[in-house]
N, C-alpha and C. Protein backbone atom coordinates (compact mmCIF):
# COMPACT_ATOMS: atom_id res chain seq x y z
N UNK A 1 -16.45 11.05 7.14
CA UNK A 1 -17.19 11.50 8.00
C UNK A 1 -17.10 10.40 9.45
N UNK A 2 -16.03 9.89 9.49
CA UNK A 2 -15.57 9.08 10.34
C UNK A 2 -14.87 9.92 11.44
N UNK A 3 -13.98 10.92 10.08
CA UNK A 3 -12.83 11.51 11.26
C UNK A 3 -13.55 12.90 11.66
N UNK A 4 -15.12 13.14 11.20
CA UNK A 4 -15.89 14.24 11.67
C UNK A 4 -16.20 14.37 12.75
N UNK A 5 -17.07 13.07 13.03
CA UNK A 5 -17.55 12.52 13.91
C UNK A 5 -16.31 12.68 15.01
N UNK A 6 -15.49 12.00 14.81
CA UNK A 6 -14.07 11.77 15.86
C UNK A 6 -13.79 13.29 16.84
N UNK A 7 -13.86 14.23 15.27
CA UNK A 7 -13.48 15.35 16.03
C UNK A 7 -14.75 16.33 16.69
N UNK A 8 -15.70 16.03 16.34
CA UNK A 8 -16.71 16.28 17.40
C UNK A 8 -16.83 15.87 18.68
N UNK A 9 -16.50 14.76 18.78
CA UNK A 9 -16.54 13.85 20.36
C UNK A 9 -15.66 14.04 20.91
N UNK A 10 -14.32 14.68 20.22
CA UNK A 10 -13.21 14.83 21.23
C UNK A 10 -12.63 16.14 20.83
N UNK A 11 -13.56 17.42 21.19
CA UNK A 11 -13.59 18.41 20.91
C UNK A 11 -11.95 18.67 21.39
N UNK A 12 -11.29 18.71 22.48
CA UNK A 12 -10.27 19.03 23.48
C UNK A 12 -9.06 18.52 22.40
N UNK A 13 -9.14 17.56 21.31
CA UNK A 13 -8.24 17.37 20.88
C UNK A 13 -7.79 18.15 19.53
N UNK A 14 -6.35 19.00 19.45
CA UNK A 14 -6.08 19.52 18.47
C UNK A 14 -6.39 19.50 16.66
N UNK A 15 -7.38 20.31 16.27
CA UNK A 15 -7.23 20.06 15.07
C UNK A 15 -5.95 19.55 14.21
N UNK A 16 -4.97 20.33 14.30
CA UNK A 16 -3.82 20.14 13.84
C UNK A 16 -3.47 18.65 13.92
N UNK A 17 -3.34 18.33 14.81
CA UNK A 17 -2.83 16.96 15.48
C UNK A 17 -3.60 16.05 14.65
N UNK A 18 -5.00 16.22 14.42
CA UNK A 18 -6.15 15.18 14.07
C UNK A 18 -5.88 15.09 12.48
N UNK A 19 -6.00 16.86 11.50
CA UNK A 19 -5.42 16.32 10.47
C UNK A 19 -3.92 15.89 9.92
N UNK A 20 -3.24 15.81 10.85
CA UNK A 20 -1.64 15.55 10.72
C UNK A 20 -1.95 13.83 10.81
N UNK A 21 -2.52 13.48 11.94
CA UNK A 21 -2.91 12.00 11.92
C UNK A 21 -3.90 11.24 10.53
N UNK A 22 -4.45 12.07 10.64
CA UNK A 22 -5.48 11.60 8.99
C UNK A 22 -4.40 11.55 7.27
N UNK A 23 -3.78 12.42 7.53
CA UNK A 23 -2.56 13.01 6.55
C UNK A 23 -1.44 11.51 6.62
N UNK A 24 -0.70 11.14 7.90
CA UNK A 24 -0.32 10.12 8.45
C UNK A 24 -0.67 8.96 7.69
N UNK A 25 -2.01 8.57 8.36
CA UNK A 25 -2.43 7.47 7.76
C UNK A 25 -2.94 7.42 6.40
N UNK A 26 -3.05 8.39 5.76
CA UNK A 26 -3.08 8.01 3.97
C UNK A 26 -1.92 7.94 3.56
N UNK A 27 -1.01 8.65 4.18
CA UNK A 27 0.48 8.64 3.27
C UNK A 27 0.91 7.34 3.34
N UNK A 28 0.62 6.74 4.68
CA UNK A 28 1.03 5.15 5.08
C UNK A 28 0.49 3.98 3.84
N UNK A 29 -0.92 4.55 4.07
CA UNK A 29 -1.87 3.72 3.24
C UNK A 29 -0.89 3.39 1.79
N UNK A 30 -1.06 4.75 1.27
CA UNK A 30 -0.36 4.73 -0.12
C UNK A 30 0.86 4.14 -0.27
N UNK A 31 1.71 4.27 0.61
CA UNK A 31 2.91 3.67 0.75
C UNK A 31 2.79 2.19 0.46
N UNK A 32 2.11 1.72 1.18
CA UNK A 32 2.01 -0.24 1.33
C UNK A 32 1.14 -0.71 0.34
N UNK A 33 0.62 0.75 -0.16
CA UNK A 33 -0.09 -0.15 -1.56
C UNK A 33 0.99 0.03 -2.49
N UNK A 34 1.69 1.09 -2.75
CA UNK A 34 2.91 1.15 -3.76
C UNK A 34 3.77 0.16 -3.45
N UNK A 35 3.71 -0.52 -2.30
CA UNK A 35 4.69 -1.60 -1.72
C UNK A 35 3.98 -2.78 -2.14
N UNK A 36 2.89 -2.88 -1.82
CA UNK A 36 2.33 -4.19 -2.30
C UNK A 36 2.19 -4.59 -4.03
N UNK A 37 2.21 -3.56 -4.74
CA UNK A 37 2.09 -3.19 -6.03
C UNK A 37 3.23 -3.62 -6.69
N UNK A 38 4.30 -2.81 -6.05
CA UNK A 38 6.03 -3.48 -6.59
C UNK A 38 5.91 -5.22 -6.69
N UNK A 39 6.22 -5.42 -5.35
CA UNK A 39 5.99 -6.64 -4.86
C UNK A 39 4.98 -7.91 -5.78
N UNK A 40 4.17 -7.15 -6.13
CA UNK A 40 3.34 -8.21 -7.38
C UNK A 40 3.97 -8.20 -8.90
N UNK A 41 4.19 -6.97 -8.90
CA UNK A 41 4.99 -6.69 -10.28
C UNK A 41 6.39 -8.00 -10.48
N UNK A 42 6.90 -7.71 -9.15
CA UNK A 42 8.31 -8.85 -9.52
C UNK A 42 8.10 -9.88 -9.04
N UNK A 43 7.08 -10.51 -8.71
CA UNK A 43 6.23 -11.84 -8.79
C UNK A 43 6.36 -12.39 -9.87
N UNK A 44 5.19 -11.25 -10.71
CA UNK A 44 4.92 -11.67 -11.59
C UNK A 44 6.45 -11.92 -12.55
N UNK A 45 7.03 -10.93 -12.79
CA UNK A 45 8.07 -10.93 -13.61
C UNK A 45 8.98 -12.14 -13.11
N UNK A 46 9.78 -12.59 -11.89
CA UNK A 46 9.88 -13.65 -11.47
C UNK A 46 9.15 -14.65 -12.24
N UNK A 47 7.89 -15.28 -12.18
CA UNK A 47 7.31 -16.53 -12.57
C UNK A 47 7.53 -16.44 -14.27
N UNK A 48 7.27 -15.16 -14.39
CA UNK A 48 7.38 -15.23 -16.29
C UNK A 48 8.77 -15.64 -16.55
N UNK A 49 9.95 -15.09 -15.59
CA UNK A 49 11.40 -15.29 -16.06
C UNK A 49 11.52 -16.90 -16.18
N UNK A 50 10.90 -17.84 -14.88
CA UNK A 50 11.23 -19.00 -14.33
C UNK A 50 10.25 -19.79 -15.38
N UNK A 51 9.19 -19.48 -15.75
CA UNK A 51 8.01 -20.05 -17.05
C UNK A 51 9.48 -19.68 -18.30
N UNK A 52 10.10 -18.88 -18.76
CA UNK A 52 11.16 -18.89 -19.59
C UNK A 52 12.37 -19.90 -19.57
N UNK A 53 12.11 -20.09 -18.39
CA UNK A 53 13.65 -20.98 -18.58
C UNK A 53 13.12 -22.66 -18.20
N UNK A 54 12.03 -22.61 -17.89
CA UNK A 54 11.39 -24.06 -18.24
C UNK A 54 10.96 -24.12 -19.56
N UNK A 55 10.42 -23.30 -20.38
CA UNK A 55 10.46 -23.64 -21.71
C UNK A 55 11.60 -23.72 -22.96
N UNK A 56 12.38 -23.17 -22.66
CA UNK A 56 13.75 -23.53 -22.68
C UNK A 56 14.39 -24.87 -22.39
N UNK A 57 14.20 -25.56 -21.46
CA UNK A 57 14.65 -26.56 -20.55
C UNK A 57 13.95 -27.64 -21.32
N UNK A 58 12.22 -27.17 -21.95
CA UNK A 58 11.37 -28.52 -22.84
C UNK A 58 12.28 -28.70 -24.49
N UNK A 59 12.67 -27.05 -24.47
CA UNK A 59 13.12 -26.93 -25.63
C UNK A 59 14.44 -27.85 -26.28
N UNK A 60 15.41 -27.98 -24.91
CA UNK A 60 16.32 -28.21 -25.06
C UNK A 60 16.22 -29.89 -24.88
């Protein structure tokens, strides 16, 4: 709805450019989301490995 309202307010702006801007923002958002998920997964894996190392040291 915000995009539609913006379009009505700025009639001079090209529809193509507006669509491009929206798609660009969405794609960027998805990329950032994926990056965040990957980072979180890597952190979880590294914590898991660190825990394993600690357990191994305690067993020795």
